[in-house]
């Protein structure tokens, strides 16, 4: 049976469903641009939920990201951040976080300094904006308050005792306790996502709070793995604090993590409500640039899909998401075959030491763009005026080492959308 091709027309097509792709869609819809977004959002589940702006330079973590940005622009004039002003960054984060709050997921407001935030094993990192369900952890850390950290029988990959052991020397008033989650008395393995969905049921919250009260003692804060609901975390967080009479904060877990799953499901549900056409969990197979339009081709369980768009933003990520691929000879952009800036020869991809402070050159591979975030060829010419790129696909940045992934995604998406007209 030959299945009929379904066709869509759109002003803008967005390839990618990570932070950058979703930010493009949010910004475009806010400006009345008819948008179709295509992508597999699975990689979002691997995020901590923290939004980094700039957390590190070549030598140390940064308390002041804005001072760090000024230095970065001097030392790395080709970095994507060097194509953005501080005002671009502030405006993009403000608009994106305001949009998230309207969708039902609150974040701390962008400010002047980075916050020191906890990671699953008791390490800490600087970050710029945190989910409201996690923000009080930065307050507790600053004041070195009495904090009870809990984990659960059957929960793998999160140990309250490990966190306490790693932080005890600098934060002596931490205490660890293990408890049994409601309906898990058998001790079987349990996962944060399962607990998060269970806590959306009022009776489960009440029983959980009752059990937790027995071990609170003199704690001033309660910390727990990120598990306070998937779809209404702000509400569930508030309800749990009322039940316990104490401030609560979440600590991210190893991926796939609840904080990332929240973002993934939020975008899948709310972006269509903003007016976007979202084709989720599918990847574009081919793109053709014609005189009057750009055509994107893909296939889903109902048959072929063809999208005709006036403009395109490529926000397809890096190797994990398939935005870049690599073989024994070179790094490639597989969808459009865009030129990829990369080290000359595979032997120059990596430093001899895995932990070299300079980082590995291959991590700065990617697509070179101009000030409008239009991809350029190797001679510096715009490849197609209708094509834009955003996010960690871009060249001349090392987002993991520089702790700038979310900020880079959001701000470059913002500038690309502003450049569309």
Protein backbone atom coordinates (compact mmCIF):
# COMPACT_ATOMS: atom_id res chain seq x y z
CA UNK A 1 0.00 0.00 0.00
CA UNK A 2 1.39 3.39 -1.01
CA UNK A 3 0.88 5.95 1.72
CA UNK A 4 0.00 9.49 0.71
CA UNK A 5 2.54 12.20 1.47
CA UNK A 6 1.30 14.69 4.08
CA UNK A 7 2.34 18.26 3.31
CA UNK A 8 2.79 21.30 5.56
CA UNK A 9 3.57 24.92 4.74
CA UNK A 10 5.31 27.15 7.24
CA UNK A 11 7.14 30.45 7.43
CA UNK A 12 9.89 28.86 9.50
CA UNK A 13 11.12 25.30 9.91
CA UNK A 14 13.20 24.41 12.96
CA UNK A 15 15.33 21.27 12.92
CA UNK A 16 16.11 20.20 16.47
CA UNK A 17 14.14 19.68 19.66
CA UNK A 18 16.74 20.38 22.31
CA UNK A 19 17.02 23.62 24.26
CA UNK A 20 18.13 25.58 21.18
CA UNK A 21 15.41 24.26 18.87
CA UNK A 22 12.67 24.77 21.45
CA UNK A 23 13.96 28.25 22.22
CA UNK A 24 13.81 29.12 18.52
CA UNK A 25 10.19 27.99 18.44
CA UNK A 26 9.31 29.93 21.60
CA UNK A 27 10.89 33.14 20.28
CA UNK A 28 9.40 32.72 16.80
CA UNK A 29 5.87 32.09 18.05
CA UNK A 30 6.10 35.12 20.32
CA UNK A 31 6.80 37.19 17.19
CA UNK A 32 3.92 35.73 15.20
CA UNK A 33 6.12 33.60 12.94
CA UNK A 34 4.35 30.45 11.82
CA UNK A 35 6.71 27.66 12.85
CA UNK A 36 7.10 23.93 12.28
CA UNK A 37 9.59 22.15 14.53
CA UNK A 38 10.96 18.68 13.88
CA UNK A 39 13.29 16.68 16.09
CA UNK A 40 13.92 13.99 18.63
CA UNK A 41 13.81 15.52 22.10
CA UNK A 42 15.38 12.54 23.85
CA UNK A 43 18.63 14.37 24.62
CA UNK A 44 16.72 16.79 26.89
CA UNK A 45 16.36 13.99 29.43
CA UNK A 46 20.15 14.09 29.84
CA UNK A 47 20.17 17.67 31.13
CA UNK A 48 20.39 18.61 34.80
CA UNK A 49 17.79 21.36 34.51
CA UNK A 50 20.38 24.02 35.30
CA UNK A 51 20.84 26.87 32.80
CA UNK A 52 24.52 27.85 32.56
CA UNK A 53 25.53 31.20 31.08
CA UNK A 54 29.30 31.04 31.51
CA UNK A 55 30.60 29.03 34.42
CA UNK A 56 34.30 28.57 33.73
CA UNK A 57 37.24 29.98 31.85
CA UNK A 58 40.51 28.21 31.09
CA UNK A 59 41.69 28.24 34.69
CA UNK A 60 38.81 28.40 37.16
CA UNK A 61 35.10 28.51 37.86
CA UNK A 62 33.52 31.95 37.49
CA UNK A 63 31.49 33.77 40.10
CA UNK A 64 30.82 36.70 37.77
CA UNK A 65 29.76 35.48 34.31
CA UNK A 66 29.51 38.99 32.91
CA UNK A 67 33.14 39.78 33.71
CA UNK A 68 34.00 36.38 32.27
CA UNK A 69 32.13 37.22 29.07
CA UNK A 70 34.10 40.43 28.61
CA UNK A 71 37.35 38.48 28.94
CA UNK A 72 36.07 35.73 26.64
CA UNK A 73 35.30 38.19 23.86
CA UNK A 74 38.87 39.46 24.04
CA UNK A 75 40.55 36.06 24.15
CA UNK A 76 38.16 34.23 21.79
CA UNK A 77 36.82 36.71 19.20
CA UNK A 78 35.38 33.85 17.11
CA UNK A 79 33.35 32.38 19.97
CA UNK A 80 29.56 32.56 19.33
CA UNK A 81 29.23 34.72 22.44
CA UNK A 82 31.44 37.30 20.73
CA UNK A 83 28.63 37.81 18.21
CA UNK A 84 26.21 38.68 21.04
CA UNK A 85 26.02 41.65 23.37
CA UNK A 86 25.33 41.40 27.08
CA UNK A 87 21.93 42.90 26.32
CA UNK A 88 21.23 40.10 23.83
CA UNK A 89 22.03 37.58 26.55
CA UNK A 90 19.95 39.30 29.20
CA UNK A 91 16.96 39.78 26.88
CA UNK A 92 17.05 36.20 25.61
CA UNK A 93 17.21 34.64 29.07
CA UNK A 94 14.54 36.97 30.46
CA UNK A 95 12.17 36.19 27.60
CA UNK A 96 12.80 32.45 27.67
CA UNK A 97 12.44 32.07 31.44
CA UNK A 98 9.28 34.21 31.42
CA UNK A 99 7.86 31.93 28.72
CA UNK A 100 8.75 28.82 30.75
CA UNK A 101 6.97 30.24 33.78
CA UNK A 102 3.82 30.89 31.74
CA UNK A 103 4.00 27.27 30.56
CA UNK A 104 4.17 26.08 34.17
CA UNK A 105 7.86 25.69 35.00
CA UNK A 106 9.46 28.43 37.09
CA UNK A 107 13.15 29.30 37.14
CA UNK A 108 15.15 31.72 39.24
CA UNK A 109 15.54 35.13 37.67
CA UNK A 110 18.74 35.97 35.78
CA UNK A 111 21.00 38.16 37.88
CA UNK A 112 24.58 39.35 38.11
CA UNK A 113 26.33 36.36 39.65
CA UNK A 114 26.51 32.61 39.21
CA UNK A 115 25.02 30.38 41.89
CA UNK A 116 26.94 27.45 43.34
CA UNK A 117 24.66 24.45 42.87
CA UNK A 118 24.88 20.80 43.92
CA UNK A 119 25.39 17.85 41.60
CA UNK A 120 24.35 14.21 42.17
CA UNK A 121 27.52 12.93 43.87
CA UNK A 122 28.12 15.92 46.11
CA UNK A 123 30.25 17.98 43.75
CA UNK A 124 29.20 21.57 43.06
CA UNK A 125 29.20 23.74 39.96
CA UNK A 126 28.44 27.35 39.07
CA UNK A 127 25.22 27.93 37.17
CA UNK A 128 23.17 30.97 36.29
CA UNK A 129 19.49 30.02 36.57
CA UNK A 130 17.96 27.08 38.41
CA UNK A 131 14.47 25.57 38.56
CA UNK A 132 12.59 27.00 41.52
CA UNK A 133 12.40 23.47 42.93
CA UNK A 134 16.22 23.52 43.24
CA UNK A 135 16.98 27.15 43.99
CA UNK A 136 16.76 26.98 47.79
CA UNK A 137 19.73 24.64 47.73
CA UNK A 138 21.92 27.62 46.82
CA UNK A 139 20.56 29.52 49.82
CA UNK A 140 21.15 26.61 52.15
CA UNK A 141 24.70 26.22 50.86
CA UNK A 142 25.49 29.89 51.28
CA UNK A 143 24.34 29.89 54.91
CA UNK A 144 25.70 26.38 55.63
CA UNK A 145 22.30 25.56 57.12
CA UNK A 146 21.28 22.31 58.79
CA UNK A 147 20.14 20.16 55.87
CA UNK A 148 18.68 16.68 55.86
CA UNK A 149 19.45 14.90 52.59
CA UNK A 150 17.30 11.87 51.90
CA UNK A 151 17.57 8.96 49.53
CA UNK A 152 15.49 5.81 49.13
CA UNK A 153 15.72 2.08 49.44
CA UNK A 154 15.95 0.72 45.89
CA UNK A 155 17.07 3.99 44.29
CA UNK A 156 20.26 3.64 42.24
CA UNK A 157 22.71 6.39 41.34
CA UNK A 158 21.86 8.79 44.18
CA UNK A 159 23.39 8.43 47.64
CA UNK A 160 22.68 10.95 50.40
CA UNK A 161 25.58 9.49 52.38
CA UNK A 162 27.96 10.05 49.47
CA UNK A 163 26.88 13.68 49.14
CA UNK A 164 27.36 14.26 52.86
CA UNK A 165 30.77 12.58 52.82
CA UNK A 166 31.97 14.74 49.92
CA UNK A 167 30.70 18.02 51.38
CA UNK A 168 31.06 17.45 55.12
CA UNK A 169 34.40 19.21 55.50
CA UNK A 170 33.00 22.47 54.13
CA UNK A 171 29.40 21.99 55.20
CA UNK A 172 29.37 20.21 58.58
CA UNK A 173 25.62 20.50 59.22
CA UNK A 174 24.60 18.04 56.52
CA UNK A 175 22.90 14.80 57.53
CA UNK A 176 21.90 11.78 55.46
CA UNK A 177 18.93 9.46 55.92
CA UNK A 178 17.50 6.64 53.83
CA UNK A 179 13.77 5.97 53.75
CA UNK A 180 11.20 3.81 51.99
CA UNK A 181 9.06 5.47 49.35
CA UNK A 182 5.30 4.81 49.68
CA UNK A 183 4.18 1.53 48.08
CA UNK A 184 7.80 0.41 47.66
CA UNK A 185 8.15 -1.59 50.87
CA UNK A 186 9.46 -4.60 48.94
CA UNK A 187 12.77 -2.84 48.40
CA UNK A 188 12.62 -3.35 44.62
CA UNK A 189 14.52 -0.97 42.37
CA UNK A 190 12.80 2.38 41.95
CA UNK A 191 13.47 5.26 39.56
CA UNK A 192 13.17 9.05 40.06
CA UNK A 193 10.70 9.38 37.19
CA UNK A 194 8.40 6.80 38.79
CA UNK A 195 8.53 8.61 42.13
CA UNK A 196 7.94 11.96 40.42
CA UNK A 197 4.79 10.72 38.71
CA UNK A 198 3.61 9.06 41.93
CA UNK A 199 3.92 12.35 43.83
CA UNK A 200 1.41 13.93 41.47
CA UNK A 201 -1.19 11.92 43.44
CA UNK A 202 -2.25 13.80 46.65
CA UNK A 203 -2.50 10.63 48.76
CA UNK A 204 1.10 9.70 47.89
CA UNK A 205 2.33 13.17 48.85
CA UNK A 206 0.57 12.95 52.20
CA UNK A 207 2.00 9.54 53.00
CA UNK A 208 5.45 10.57 51.88
CA UNK A 209 5.31 13.67 54.11
CA UNK A 210 4.12 11.56 57.06
CA UNK A 211 7.09 9.22 56.75
CA UNK A 212 9.51 12.08 56.23
CA UNK A 213 8.37 13.91 59.38
CA UNK A 214 9.66 11.00 61.49
CA UNK A 215 13.28 11.73 60.49
CA UNK A 216 13.35 15.52 60.12
CA UNK A 217 14.57 16.28 63.67
CA UNK A 218 16.20 19.77 63.75
CA UNK A 219 16.76 20.18 60.01
CA UNK A 220 16.28 23.66 58.57
CA UNK A 221 16.02 22.38 54.98
CA UNK A 222 15.17 19.07 53.36
CA UNK A 223 17.03 17.99 50.23
CA UNK A 224 15.99 15.13 47.98
CA UNK A 225 16.68 13.80 44.50
CA UNK A 226 14.76 15.66 41.77
CA UNK A 227 11.39 13.90 41.99
CA UNK A 228 8.74 16.51 42.80
CA UNK A 229 6.46 15.78 39.89
CA UNK A 230 6.78 15.97 36.13
CA UNK A 231 3.95 18.20 34.98
CA UNK A 232 3.31 20.42 38.01
CA UNK A 233 6.60 20.60 39.90
CA UNK A 234 6.06 24.13 41.24
CA UNK A 235 2.69 23.16 42.70
CA UNK A 236 3.93 19.86 44.14
CA UNK A 237 6.99 21.57 45.59
CA UNK A 238 4.75 24.11 47.32
CA UNK A 239 2.38 21.40 48.58
CA UNK A 240 5.21 19.36 50.06
CA UNK A 241 6.62 22.41 51.84
CA UNK A 242 3.19 23.07 53.35
CA UNK A 243 2.87 19.47 54.50
CA UNK A 244 6.31 19.47 56.13
CA UNK A 245 6.54 23.08 57.26
CA UNK A 246 10.11 23.33 55.97
CA UNK A 247 11.82 24.60 52.82
CA UNK A 248 12.68 21.83 50.36
CA UNK A 249 15.08 21.67 47.46
CA UNK A 250 15.87 19.09 44.82
CA UNK A 251 19.29 17.85 43.75
CA UNK A 252 19.70 16.69 40.13
CA UNK A 253 20.13 12.97 39.54
CA UNK A 254 22.17 11.11 36.96
CA UNK A 255 20.50 10.98 33.54
CA UNK A 256 17.93 10.31 32.33
CA UNK A 257 16.85 12.87 34.91
CA UNK A 258 13.49 14.20 36.01
CA UNK A 259 14.51 17.83 35.46
CA UNK A 260 15.24 17.10 31.80
CA UNK A 261 12.12 14.98 31.37
CA UNK A 262 10.09 17.92 32.69
CA UNK A 263 11.50 20.17 30.00
CA UNK A 264 10.95 17.57 27.30
CA UNK A 265 7.31 16.93 28.18
CA UNK A 266 6.64 20.62 28.79
CA UNK A 267 7.79 21.55 25.29
CA UNK A 268 5.96 18.64 23.67
CA UNK A 269 2.70 19.73 25.32
CA UNK A 270 2.97 23.52 25.34
CA UNK A 271 4.64 24.45 22.05
CA UNK A 272 1.60 23.30 20.02
CA UNK A 273 -0.56 25.39 22.33
CA UNK A 274 1.51 28.42 21.32
CA UNK A 275 0.55 27.72 17.71
CA UNK A 276 3.57 25.77 16.49
CA UNK A 277 3.34 22.58 14.47
CA UNK A 278 5.52 20.08 16.33
CA UNK A 279 6.59 16.80 14.75
CA UNK A 280 8.28 15.18 17.73
CA UNK A 281 10.47 12.10 18.02
CA UNK A 282 11.27 12.10 14.31
CA UNK A 283 14.30 13.27 12.37
CA UNK A 284 14.48 15.06 9.05
CA UNK A 285 15.93 12.77 6.40
CA UNK A 286 16.63 15.24 3.61
CA UNK A 287 16.53 18.98 2.92
CA UNK A 288 16.33 20.59 -0.51
CA UNK A 289 16.86 24.29 -1.19
CA UNK A 290 14.69 25.50 -4.07
CA UNK A 291 14.35 28.96 -5.59
CA UNK A 292 11.25 29.95 -3.64
CA UNK A 293 11.19 27.53 -0.73
CA UNK A 294 13.06 25.04 1.39
CA UNK A 295 11.69 21.49 1.47
CA UNK A 296 12.22 19.09 4.34
CA UNK A 297 11.45 15.39 4.03
CA UNK A 298 10.84 12.83 6.75
CA UNK A 299 8.86 9.69 7.45
CA UNK A 300 6.64 8.77 10.38
CA UNK A 301 4.40 5.81 11.13
CA UNK A 302 1.66 7.29 8.94
CA UNK A 303 3.88 7.73 5.89
CA UNK A 304 5.98 10.40 4.18
CA UNK A 305 5.90 13.99 5.38
CA UNK A 306 6.98 17.02 3.36
CA UNK A 307 7.40 20.49 4.84
CA UNK A 308 7.69 23.59 2.67
CA UNK A 309 9.22 26.52 4.54
CA UNK A 310 10.41 30.00 3.72
CA UNK A 311 13.31 29.94 6.19
CA UNK A 312 15.15 27.32 8.24
CA UNK A 313 16.97 27.31 11.58
CA UNK A 314 19.28 24.36 12.09
CA UNK A 315 19.54 23.58 15.81
CA UNK A 316 20.40 19.90 15.54
CA UNK A 317 23.01 19.69 18.29
CA UNK A 318 26.29 17.83 18.19
CA UNK A 319 27.32 14.19 18.17
CA UNK A 320 24.82 12.85 20.73
CA UNK A 321 21.88 14.30 18.79
CA UNK A 322 23.28 13.57 15.34
CA UNK A 323 23.82 17.19 14.35
CA UNK A 324 27.44 16.28 13.72
CA UNK A 325 28.91 12.91 12.77
CA UNK A 326 32.49 11.71 12.53
CA UNK A 327 34.37 8.97 10.72
CA UNK A 328 38.07 8.13 10.63
CA UNK A 329 38.86 11.15 8.49
CA UNK A 330 36.60 14.08 9.35
CA UNK A 331 33.65 15.61 11.17
CA UNK A 332 30.58 16.14 9.00
CA UNK A 333 27.22 17.89 9.15
CA UNK A 334 25.04 15.08 7.74
CA UNK A 335 21.77 16.79 6.86
CA UNK A 336 22.77 19.61 4.50
CA UNK A 337 26.48 18.82 4.19
CA UNK A 338 27.45 22.22 5.54
CA UNK A 339 31.16 23.00 5.82
CA UNK A 340 32.42 22.03 9.29
CA UNK A 341 35.31 23.91 10.85
CA UNK A 342 37.58 21.30 12.46
CA UNK A 343 41.21 20.47 13.18
CA UNK A 344 43.38 19.67 10.19
CA UNK A 345 43.71 15.91 10.42
CA UNK A 346 42.38 13.42 12.92
CA UNK A 347 45.73 13.29 14.70
CA UNK A 348 45.02 16.86 15.86
CA UNK A 349 41.58 16.15 17.29
CA UNK A 350 42.77 15.24 20.77
CA UNK A 351 45.46 16.24 23.23
CA UNK A 352 47.72 13.53 24.59
CA UNK A 353 46.30 13.98 28.09
CA UNK A 354 42.57 13.34 28.48
CA UNK A 355 42.38 16.04 31.17
CA UNK A 356 44.45 18.62 29.31
CA UNK A 357 43.46 22.06 30.60
CA UNK A 358 43.28 23.40 27.05
CA UNK A 359 40.56 20.92 26.09
CA UNK A 360 40.46 18.87 22.91
CA UNK A 361 40.39 20.69 19.59
CA UNK A 362 37.67 18.48 18.12
CA UNK A 363 35.25 19.82 20.73
CA UNK A 364 35.38 23.19 19.01
CA UNK A 365 34.35 21.76 15.65
CA UNK A 366 31.11 23.01 14.17
CA UNK A 367 29.35 25.40 11.83
CA UNK A 368 30.79 28.89 11.38
CA UNK A 369 28.19 31.68 11.22
CA UNK A 370 28.10 35.44 10.73
CA UNK A 371 26.60 38.08 13.03
CA UNK A 372 23.09 37.05 11.91
CA UNK A 373 23.87 33.39 12.64
CA UNK A 374 23.78 32.43 8.97
CA UNK A 375 26.19 29.57 8.12
CA UNK A 376 29.26 30.48 6.09
CA UNK A 377 31.40 28.53 3.66
CA UNK A 378 35.17 28.24 4.04
CA UNK A 379 35.63 31.56 2.19
CA UNK A 380 33.35 33.41 4.63
CA UNK A 381 30.39 33.68 2.25
CA UNK A 382 26.77 33.16 3.32
CA UNK A 383 25.65 29.75 2.05
CA UNK A 384 21.96 30.64 1.79
CA UNK A 385 20.31 33.76 3.19
CA UNK A 386 17.31 31.70 4.29
CA UNK A 387 19.41 29.39 6.49
CA UNK A 388 20.37 30.02 10.13
CA UNK A 389 22.05 27.94 12.82
CA UNK A 390 21.89 28.02 16.62
CA UNK A 391 23.04 26.14 19.69
CA UNK A 392 25.98 23.87 20.36
CA UNK A 393 26.21 22.97 16.67
CA UNK A 394 28.18 26.20 16.27
CA UNK A 395 31.97 26.21 15.97
CA UNK A 396 34.61 27.87 18.17
CA UNK A 397 33.13 26.98 21.53
CA UNK A 398 33.65 24.22 24.09
CA UNK A 399 30.32 24.33 25.91
CA UNK A 400 31.09 21.53 28.36
CA UNK A 401 34.37 22.98 29.61
CA UNK A 402 33.10 26.56 29.54
CA UNK A 403 29.81 25.69 31.26
CA UNK A 404 27.77 27.68 28.75
CA UNK A 405 25.51 25.14 27.00
CA UNK A 406 22.05 26.45 27.87
CA UNK A 407 23.01 30.12 27.63
CA UNK A 408 24.57 29.51 24.24
CA UNK A 409 21.49 27.63 23.03
CA UNK A 410 19.00 30.23 24.23
CA UNK A 411 20.92 33.35 23.20
CA UNK A 412 21.89 32.15 19.72
CA UNK A 413 18.31 30.99 19.13
CA UNK A 414 17.13 34.46 20.13
CA UNK A 415 19.57 36.23 17.80
CA UNK A 416 18.77 33.89 14.91
CA UNK A 417 15.04 34.58 15.26
CA UNK A 418 15.65 38.34 15.49
CA UNK A 419 17.66 38.09 12.26
CA UNK A 420 14.88 36.39 10.30
CA UNK A 421 13.22 39.58 9.08
